[in-house]
Structure formats: structure tokens, C-alpha cells
N, C-alpha and C. Protein backbone atom coordinates (compact mmCIF):
# COMPACT_ATOMS: atom_id res chain seq x y z
N MET A 1 0.94 -1.27 -0.01
CA MET A 1 -0.03 -0.02 -0.03
C MET A 1 0.89 1.19 0.00
N ASP A 2 0.50 2.15 -0.79
CA ASP A 2 1.33 3.52 -0.90
C ASP A 2 0.88 4.28 0.27
N ALA A 3 1.84 4.64 0.98
CA ALA A 3 1.69 5.64 2.23
C ALA A 3 1.48 7.02 1.88
N THR A 4 0.36 7.58 2.03
CA THR A 4 0.32 9.00 1.56
C THR A 4 0.33 9.88 2.80
N VAL A 5 0.90 11.04 2.63
CA VAL A 5 1.27 11.96 3.70
C VAL A 5 0.21 13.02 3.84
N LEU A 6 -0.51 13.18 4.91
CA LEU A 6 -1.53 14.21 5.10
C LEU A 6 -0.90 15.25 5.99
N LEU A 7 -0.83 16.55 5.35
CA LEU A 7 -0.39 17.67 6.09
C LEU A 7 -1.46 18.34 7.06
N VAL A 8 -1.36 18.07 8.31
CA VAL A 8 -2.29 18.56 9.13
C VAL A 8 -1.84 20.03 9.67
N ARG A 9 -2.59 20.95 9.32
CA ARG A 9 -2.25 22.43 9.59
C ARG A 9 -2.74 23.03 10.80
N SER A 10 -1.97 23.97 11.36
CA SER A 10 -2.59 24.59 12.65
C SER A 10 -3.83 25.27 12.47
N PRO A 11 -4.77 25.01 13.22
CA PRO A 11 -6.10 25.73 13.36
C PRO A 11 -6.02 27.20 13.90
N LEU A 12 -5.01 27.35 14.55
CA LEU A 12 -5.08 28.68 15.40
C LEU A 12 -3.60 29.29 15.24
N PRO A 13 -3.59 30.56 15.58
CA PRO A 13 -2.12 31.26 15.84
C PRO A 13 -1.71 31.02 17.33
N GLY A 14 -0.46 30.71 17.47
CA GLY A 14 0.04 30.49 18.79
C GLY A 14 1.31 29.84 18.90
N THR A 15 1.58 29.09 19.80
CA THR A 15 2.76 28.30 19.96
C THR A 15 2.54 26.68 19.91
N ALA A 16 3.22 26.15 18.82
CA ALA A 16 3.11 24.59 18.80
C ALA A 16 3.87 23.99 19.93
N ILE A 17 3.09 23.10 20.50
CA ILE A 17 3.82 22.19 21.52
C ILE A 17 3.53 20.75 21.38
N GLY A 18 4.24 19.91 22.14
CA GLY A 18 3.97 18.50 22.02
C GLY A 18 2.88 18.12 22.96
N LEU A 19 2.29 16.88 22.58
CA LEU A 19 1.20 16.51 23.40
C LEU A 19 1.53 16.32 24.85
N ARG A 20 2.74 15.86 25.14
CA ARG A 20 3.17 15.51 26.50
C ARG A 20 3.07 16.79 27.34
N ASP A 21 2.98 18.00 26.72
CA ASP A 21 3.01 19.11 27.49
C ASP A 21 1.44 19.65 27.69
N VAL A 22 0.50 18.99 27.22
CA VAL A 22 -0.98 19.28 27.43
C VAL A 22 -1.39 18.78 28.95
N PRO A 23 -1.95 19.75 29.64
CA PRO A 23 -2.30 19.56 30.96
C PRO A 23 -3.61 18.66 31.22
N ASP A 24 -3.71 17.52 30.40
CA ASP A 24 -4.75 16.57 30.51
C ASP A 24 -4.19 15.22 30.20
N PRO A 25 -4.24 14.19 31.01
CA PRO A 25 -3.50 12.89 30.89
C PRO A 25 -4.07 12.19 29.52
N VAL A 26 -5.37 12.34 29.18
CA VAL A 26 -5.84 11.61 28.19
C VAL A 26 -5.04 12.10 26.82
N PHE A 27 -4.95 13.34 26.82
CA PHE A 27 -4.28 13.92 25.65
C PHE A 27 -2.71 13.79 25.68
N ALA A 28 -2.09 13.97 26.76
CA ALA A 28 -0.78 14.08 26.98
C ALA A 28 -0.17 12.51 26.89
N GLN A 29 -1.02 11.54 27.10
CA GLN A 29 -0.52 10.28 27.03
C GLN A 29 -1.05 9.62 25.70
N ALA A 30 -1.53 10.45 24.67
CA ALA A 30 -1.93 10.08 23.40
C ALA A 30 -2.90 9.02 23.48
N MET A 31 -3.92 8.89 24.44
CA MET A 31 -4.92 7.93 24.54
C MET A 31 -5.97 8.05 23.32
N VAL A 32 -6.14 9.24 22.93
CA VAL A 32 -7.18 9.64 21.77
C VAL A 32 -6.41 9.39 20.46
N GLY A 33 -5.07 9.49 20.48
CA GLY A 33 -4.20 9.43 19.29
C GLY A 33 -3.16 10.37 19.24
N PRO A 34 -2.19 10.12 18.43
CA PRO A 34 -1.01 11.08 18.43
C PRO A 34 -1.29 12.39 17.72
N GLY A 35 -0.40 13.37 17.93
CA GLY A 35 -0.69 14.59 17.25
C GLY A 35 0.33 15.80 17.89
N ALA A 36 -0.35 16.87 17.98
CA ALA A 36 0.37 17.99 18.67
C ALA A 36 -0.71 18.92 19.25
N ALA A 37 -0.16 20.11 19.70
CA ALA A 37 -1.24 20.98 20.38
C ALA A 37 -0.68 22.38 20.11
N VAL A 38 -1.75 23.21 20.28
CA VAL A 38 -1.26 24.73 20.01
C VAL A 38 -1.71 25.54 21.19
N ASP A 39 -0.77 26.25 21.92
CA ASP A 39 -1.11 27.11 23.01
C ASP A 39 -1.40 28.45 22.24
N PRO A 40 -2.88 28.78 22.31
CA PRO A 40 -3.30 29.79 21.35
C PRO A 40 -2.93 31.18 21.84
N GLU A 41 -2.72 32.12 20.87
CA GLU A 41 -2.81 33.55 21.37
C GLU A 41 -3.91 33.85 22.13
N ARG A 42 -3.81 34.87 22.96
CA ARG A 42 -4.98 35.20 23.85
C ARG A 42 -5.71 36.33 23.19
N GLY A 43 -7.02 36.33 23.24
CA GLY A 43 -7.87 37.18 22.50
C GLY A 43 -8.82 36.53 21.69
N PRO A 44 -9.78 37.22 21.11
CA PRO A 44 -10.67 36.58 20.18
C PRO A 44 -10.02 35.80 19.06
N LEU A 45 -10.32 34.63 18.63
CA LEU A 45 -9.66 33.86 17.64
C LEU A 45 -10.76 33.07 16.96
N THR A 46 -10.36 32.81 15.63
CA THR A 46 -11.26 31.78 14.84
C THR A 46 -10.47 30.63 14.62
N ALA A 47 -10.97 29.41 15.10
CA ALA A 47 -10.35 28.12 14.84
C ALA A 47 -10.88 27.69 13.45
N VAL A 48 -9.80 27.29 12.51
CA VAL A 48 -10.01 26.82 11.17
C VAL A 48 -9.80 25.50 11.05
N ALA A 49 -10.36 24.93 9.88
CA ALA A 49 -10.23 23.47 9.51
C ALA A 49 -8.56 23.24 9.37
N PRO A 50 -8.02 22.08 9.92
CA PRO A 50 -6.66 21.82 9.67
C PRO A 50 -6.42 20.95 8.44
N ILE A 51 -7.50 20.45 7.96
CA ILE A 51 -7.41 19.63 6.64
C ILE A 51 -8.66 19.82 5.88
N ALA A 52 -8.73 19.42 4.64
CA ALA A 52 -10.01 19.38 3.86
C ALA A 52 -10.78 18.16 4.09
N GLY A 53 -12.09 18.31 4.15
CA GLY A 53 -12.84 17.04 4.21
C GLY A 53 -14.29 17.46 4.72
N THR A 54 -14.86 16.53 5.38
CA THR A 54 -16.20 16.57 5.95
C THR A 54 -16.15 16.89 7.47
N LEU A 55 -16.95 17.78 7.84
CA LEU A 55 -17.12 18.15 9.19
C LEU A 55 -18.08 17.15 9.80
N VAL A 56 -17.42 16.03 10.39
CA VAL A 56 -18.32 14.91 10.76
C VAL A 56 -18.74 15.11 12.21
N LYS A 57 -18.19 15.77 12.99
CA LYS A 57 -18.65 16.19 14.47
C LYS A 57 -18.36 17.70 14.66
N LEU A 58 -19.27 18.28 15.22
CA LEU A 58 -19.22 19.70 15.62
C LEU A 58 -19.76 20.01 16.83
N LYS A 59 -19.07 20.38 17.87
CA LYS A 59 -19.52 20.77 19.13
C LYS A 59 -18.95 22.08 19.43
N PRO A 60 -19.48 22.75 20.43
CA PRO A 60 -18.87 24.29 20.57
C PRO A 60 -17.37 24.18 20.91
N HIS A 61 -17.06 23.20 21.69
CA HIS A 61 -15.54 23.17 22.03
C HIS A 61 -14.58 22.20 21.19
N ALA A 62 -15.12 21.64 20.25
CA ALA A 62 -14.28 20.60 19.55
C ALA A 62 -15.08 20.25 18.32
N PHE A 63 -14.04 19.85 17.24
CA PHE A 63 -14.63 19.32 15.98
C PHE A 63 -13.88 18.23 15.48
N VAL A 64 -14.35 17.40 14.55
CA VAL A 64 -13.61 16.37 13.89
C VAL A 64 -13.90 16.52 12.27
N ILE A 65 -12.73 16.54 11.63
CA ILE A 65 -12.94 16.67 10.14
C ILE A 65 -12.32 15.22 9.69
N ALA A 66 -13.07 14.64 8.74
CA ALA A 66 -12.57 13.41 7.96
C ALA A 66 -12.27 13.76 6.68
N GLY A 67 -11.06 13.40 6.35
CA GLY A 67 -10.46 13.67 5.02
C GLY A 67 -11.10 12.72 3.97
N SER A 68 -11.03 12.98 2.63
CA SER A 68 -11.53 11.96 1.62
C SER A 68 -11.02 10.54 1.71
N ASP A 69 -9.74 10.48 2.39
CA ASP A 69 -9.26 8.99 2.60
C ASP A 69 -9.65 8.47 3.91
N GLY A 70 -10.65 9.03 4.66
CA GLY A 70 -11.25 8.50 5.82
C GLY A 70 -10.48 8.90 7.13
N ARG A 71 -9.22 9.46 7.01
CA ARG A 71 -8.60 9.87 8.24
C ARG A 71 -9.13 11.03 8.86
N GLY A 72 -9.41 10.97 10.18
CA GLY A 72 -10.09 12.09 10.97
C GLY A 72 -9.11 12.74 11.95
N VAL A 73 -9.41 14.02 11.78
CA VAL A 73 -8.46 14.98 12.76
C VAL A 73 -9.41 15.57 13.79
N LEU A 74 -9.12 15.46 14.99
CA LEU A 74 -9.91 16.18 16.05
C LEU A 74 -9.13 17.45 16.43
N VAL A 75 -9.90 18.56 16.59
CA VAL A 75 -9.37 19.87 17.06
C VAL A 75 -10.20 20.05 18.47
N HIS A 76 -9.57 20.21 19.64
CA HIS A 76 -10.14 20.39 20.93
C HIS A 76 -9.88 21.73 21.45
N LEU A 77 -10.81 22.71 21.53
CA LEU A 77 -10.50 24.01 21.88
C LEU A 77 -10.44 24.07 23.54
N GLY A 78 -9.20 24.05 24.06
CA GLY A 78 -9.10 24.08 25.55
C GLY A 78 -9.26 22.73 26.13
N ILE A 79 -9.01 22.72 27.42
CA ILE A 79 -8.99 21.49 28.29
C ILE A 79 -10.28 21.72 29.16
N ASP A 80 -11.06 20.58 29.13
CA ASP A 80 -12.37 20.58 29.95
C ASP A 80 -13.34 21.51 29.53
N THR A 81 -13.30 22.12 28.45
CA THR A 81 -14.15 23.13 27.98
C THR A 81 -15.59 22.61 27.67
N VAL A 82 -15.59 21.28 27.52
CA VAL A 82 -16.95 20.61 27.38
C VAL A 82 -17.93 21.14 28.52
N ASN A 83 -17.24 21.37 29.68
CA ASN A 83 -18.09 21.65 30.93
C ASN A 83 -18.66 23.06 30.73
N LEU A 84 -18.36 23.91 29.81
CA LEU A 84 -18.86 25.15 29.49
C LEU A 84 -20.23 25.22 28.82
N ASP A 85 -20.62 24.00 28.47
CA ASP A 85 -21.87 23.79 27.65
C ASP A 85 -22.04 24.84 26.57
N GLY A 86 -21.06 25.11 25.84
CA GLY A 86 -21.01 26.01 24.66
C GLY A 86 -20.86 27.51 25.01
N ALA A 87 -20.81 27.88 26.20
CA ALA A 87 -20.67 29.37 26.64
C ALA A 87 -19.27 29.83 26.18
N GLY A 88 -19.34 30.97 25.32
CA GLY A 88 -18.06 31.48 24.80
C GLY A 88 -17.61 30.99 23.45
N PHE A 89 -18.41 30.15 22.93
CA PHE A 89 -18.07 29.60 21.58
C PHE A 89 -19.03 29.93 20.57
N GLU A 90 -18.66 30.24 19.28
CA GLU A 90 -19.69 30.54 18.32
C GLU A 90 -19.39 29.57 17.09
N LEU A 91 -20.26 28.82 16.70
CA LEU A 91 -20.16 27.87 15.67
C LEU A 91 -20.29 28.74 14.30
N LEU A 92 -19.29 28.64 13.45
CA LEU A 92 -19.27 29.27 12.17
C LEU A 92 -19.53 28.38 11.05
N ALA A 93 -19.57 27.04 11.19
CA ALA A 93 -19.86 25.99 10.17
C ALA A 93 -20.98 25.01 10.64
N THR A 94 -21.32 24.11 9.76
CA THR A 94 -22.44 23.28 10.12
C THR A 94 -21.91 21.88 10.08
N GLU A 95 -22.26 21.02 11.04
CA GLU A 95 -21.89 19.49 10.96
C GLU A 95 -22.35 18.93 9.65
N GLY A 96 -21.56 18.24 9.04
CA GLY A 96 -21.74 17.50 7.76
C GLY A 96 -21.22 18.42 6.57
N ALA A 97 -20.91 19.64 6.72
CA ALA A 97 -20.37 20.49 5.65
C ALA A 97 -18.99 19.82 5.17
N GLU A 98 -18.78 20.16 3.85
CA GLU A 98 -17.49 19.92 3.09
C GLU A 98 -16.77 21.25 3.44
N VAL A 99 -15.51 21.12 3.93
CA VAL A 99 -14.75 22.25 4.13
C VAL A 99 -13.27 22.10 3.41
N GLU A 100 -12.73 23.24 3.30
CA GLU A 100 -11.28 23.33 2.81
C GLU A 100 -10.48 23.61 3.95
N ALA A 101 -9.17 23.34 3.93
CA ALA A 101 -8.16 23.58 4.96
C ALA A 101 -8.26 25.07 5.05
N GLY A 102 -8.45 25.64 6.30
CA GLY A 102 -8.42 27.20 6.46
C GLY A 102 -9.92 27.57 6.52
N THR A 103 -10.85 26.80 6.41
CA THR A 103 -12.31 27.28 6.64
C THR A 103 -12.57 27.55 8.06
N PRO A 104 -13.16 28.76 8.34
CA PRO A 104 -13.48 28.91 9.73
C PRO A 104 -14.69 28.18 10.34
N VAL A 105 -14.33 27.61 11.38
CA VAL A 105 -15.23 26.56 12.09
C VAL A 105 -15.89 27.13 13.39
N ILE A 106 -14.96 27.71 14.25
CA ILE A 106 -15.63 28.08 15.55
C ILE A 106 -14.70 29.32 16.01
N ARG A 107 -15.58 30.37 16.37
CA ARG A 107 -15.01 31.56 17.01
C ARG A 107 -14.97 31.59 18.50
N TRP A 108 -13.85 31.81 19.09
CA TRP A 108 -13.83 31.74 20.75
C TRP A 108 -12.80 32.68 21.17
N ASN A 109 -12.56 32.88 22.50
CA ASN A 109 -11.63 33.69 23.04
C ASN A 109 -10.76 32.97 24.25
N PRO A 110 -9.68 32.43 23.87
CA PRO A 110 -8.78 31.71 24.72
C PRO A 110 -8.57 32.46 26.08
N ALA A 111 -8.47 33.83 26.19
CA ALA A 111 -8.23 34.61 27.28
C ALA A 111 -9.37 34.40 28.28
N GLU A 112 -10.67 34.42 27.55
CA GLU A 112 -11.80 34.11 28.64
C GLU A 112 -11.71 32.78 29.17
N ILE A 113 -11.28 31.78 28.37
CA ILE A 113 -11.30 30.52 28.90
C ILE A 113 -10.22 30.38 30.09
N GLU A 114 -9.02 31.02 29.78
CA GLU A 114 -8.16 30.97 30.83
C GLU A 114 -8.55 31.81 32.10
N ALA A 115 -9.13 32.98 31.89
CA ALA A 115 -9.65 33.70 33.03
C ALA A 115 -10.62 32.85 33.77
N GLY A 116 -11.36 31.93 33.24
CA GLY A 116 -12.38 31.15 33.92
C GLY A 116 -11.70 29.80 34.64
N GLY A 117 -10.38 29.89 34.60
CA GLY A 117 -9.70 28.80 35.32
C GLY A 117 -9.35 27.69 34.43
N LEU A 118 -9.58 27.58 33.27
CA LEU A 118 -9.33 26.32 32.32
C LEU A 118 -8.15 26.74 31.42
N SER A 119 -7.45 25.57 30.98
CA SER A 119 -6.39 25.77 30.03
C SER A 119 -7.05 25.98 28.76
N PRO A 120 -6.42 27.04 27.88
CA PRO A 120 -6.88 27.19 26.50
C PRO A 120 -5.97 26.22 25.57
N ILE A 121 -5.15 25.37 25.94
CA ILE A 121 -4.36 24.68 25.11
C ILE A 121 -5.31 23.85 24.17
N CYS A 122 -4.88 23.65 22.95
CA CYS A 122 -5.72 22.92 21.92
C CYS A 122 -5.13 21.73 21.40
N PRO A 123 -5.40 20.63 21.82
CA PRO A 123 -4.90 19.33 21.21
C PRO A 123 -5.39 19.29 19.70
N VAL A 124 -4.57 18.83 18.81
CA VAL A 124 -4.86 18.53 17.38
C VAL A 124 -4.52 17.05 17.18
N ILE A 125 -5.50 16.13 17.11
CA ILE A 125 -5.17 14.66 17.20
C ILE A 125 -5.55 14.00 15.97
N ALA A 126 -4.54 13.16 15.53
CA ALA A 126 -4.71 12.07 14.42
C ALA A 126 -5.55 11.01 14.99
N LEU A 127 -6.87 10.95 14.70
CA LEU A 127 -7.66 9.84 15.32
C LEU A 127 -7.27 8.47 14.61
N ASP A 128 -7.36 7.50 15.57
CA ASP A 128 -7.01 6.05 15.21
C ASP A 128 -5.72 5.94 14.47
N ALA A 129 -4.77 6.76 14.63
CA ALA A 129 -3.33 6.62 14.11
C ALA A 129 -2.51 6.01 14.93
N GLU A 130 -1.57 5.11 14.49
CA GLU A 130 -0.39 4.68 15.19
C GLU A 130 0.61 5.83 15.51
N PRO A 131 1.15 5.77 16.71
CA PRO A 131 2.14 6.81 17.10
C PRO A 131 3.16 7.11 15.99
N ALA A 132 3.61 6.12 15.42
CA ALA A 132 4.87 6.38 14.36
C ALA A 132 4.25 6.92 13.09
N ALA A 133 3.03 7.10 12.92
CA ALA A 133 2.28 7.64 11.70
C ALA A 133 2.40 9.11 11.73
N VAL A 134 2.60 9.78 12.88
CA VAL A 134 2.72 11.28 13.06
C VAL A 134 4.15 11.62 13.21
N ASP A 135 4.71 12.57 12.33
CA ASP A 135 6.01 13.02 12.55
C ASP A 135 6.11 14.50 11.86
N GLN A 136 7.34 14.96 11.89
CA GLN A 136 7.58 16.35 11.57
C GLN A 136 6.74 17.29 12.33
N VAL A 137 6.62 17.09 13.65
CA VAL A 137 5.73 17.90 14.42
C VAL A 137 6.46 19.36 14.78
N ALA A 138 5.54 20.41 14.43
CA ALA A 138 6.17 21.73 14.64
C ALA A 138 6.39 22.21 16.14
N ALA A 139 7.26 23.10 16.22
CA ALA A 139 7.57 23.53 17.57
C ALA A 139 7.69 24.99 17.41
N GLY A 140 7.31 25.79 18.45
CA GLY A 140 7.45 27.24 18.50
C GLY A 140 6.34 28.01 17.83
N ALA A 141 6.53 29.12 17.52
CA ALA A 141 5.40 30.03 17.08
C ALA A 141 4.78 29.49 15.73
N ILE A 142 3.59 29.52 15.60
CA ILE A 142 2.82 28.93 14.35
C ILE A 142 1.68 29.92 14.09
N GLU A 143 1.38 29.77 12.84
CA GLU A 143 0.16 30.60 12.36
C GLU A 143 -0.80 29.52 11.64
N PRO A 144 -2.20 29.99 11.67
CA PRO A 144 -3.12 29.09 10.91
C PRO A 144 -2.64 28.78 9.47
N GLY A 145 -2.92 27.55 9.23
CA GLY A 145 -2.53 27.09 7.82
C GLY A 145 -1.05 26.51 7.62
N VAL A 146 -0.23 26.79 8.68
CA VAL A 146 1.18 26.29 8.67
C VAL A 146 1.14 24.69 9.06
N THR A 147 1.85 23.82 8.50
CA THR A 147 1.85 22.61 8.75
C THR A 147 2.19 22.36 10.32
N LEU A 148 1.33 21.72 11.07
CA LEU A 148 1.52 21.37 12.54
C LEU A 148 2.25 19.98 12.72
N PHE A 149 1.70 19.10 11.89
CA PHE A 149 2.52 17.81 11.80
C PHE A 149 1.99 17.04 10.52
N GLN A 150 2.82 16.03 10.21
CA GLN A 150 2.55 15.23 8.99
C GLN A 150 2.07 13.93 9.57
N TRP A 151 1.09 13.28 8.86
CA TRP A 151 0.41 12.04 9.27
C TRP A 151 0.57 11.23 8.00
N THR A 152 1.38 10.18 8.15
CA THR A 152 1.81 9.10 7.08
C THR A 152 0.81 7.96 7.37
N GLY A 153 0.05 7.63 6.27
CA GLY A 153 -0.81 6.45 6.43
C GLY A 153 -1.26 5.92 5.23
């Protein structure tokens, strides 16, 4: 089988960090899957699609996009933000929509999340991937649309 490389792009501006630095053991231990995270800039931001595909799950605090090859990427906006019941998040897309990389999906304010006592760090996860399938992970300052990691599969 020919291994194709999927470039997973940053959904937010900020600082790219490794999953081990995410303050949540489920993400830090890659239980959901391998990937990377973004410590976002503080202030109002728009999270954009990291890959092209179908928006298969859309919640106020997280979304999953499945590419045409079936690989899914999860973007989770902050840690434990599910407990906010959508407060502070504005959906800009619709579940089931076809999106391009860079399509606006959710507007939110990481500074407000942090002021509320939660971490605004955003894991970006290659769902159902083997750890070795993710490489070329970015580190340091990153902008939306810049490759966060490569997923070979």
C-alpha cells in the first residue's frame, strides 16, 4: 500500500507544543491518538479547519474533520471546555459540511477560557493513528495554515 502524507495544519495562531505538555492525561498520553497541540494567542480567535474534508462532528468546544481518505482529525479547543456547555463559543460552520483547510469553524476567546480557570491549550489529534504515523511535528510560533504535523498512512 502506498503511504500518503496528510499535512495537518494549525487551526490557530500561537505556539506549537508536544502532546506531552498538554495539561490533561488523556491527551498527554496520546490515548485519543498522536498529534500535537497549540497554545493559542490570547484574545478573540477563529479556529479553522486543519485539513480538507467533511465536518463529521461539531460541538462548541471541539470538531472532527474526516478527509476523503477517511482519516479524521480532532481539534479540541481548550481543556475541560465541554463543561462550559457552549458558553463562549460561536459555531461558524455546520456539521456535515464539506470544508477546505483554512475554513473558519468556531470563534472563541482563549483569554476568557483562561480567566475562567481552564487551560486554553488546543490538542490537534490524528484519530485512530499509530504513534509512528505522526512526524515532522512543529515547535514554537505557528500561524493558521502552517503545517503542525505530518500524518503518514
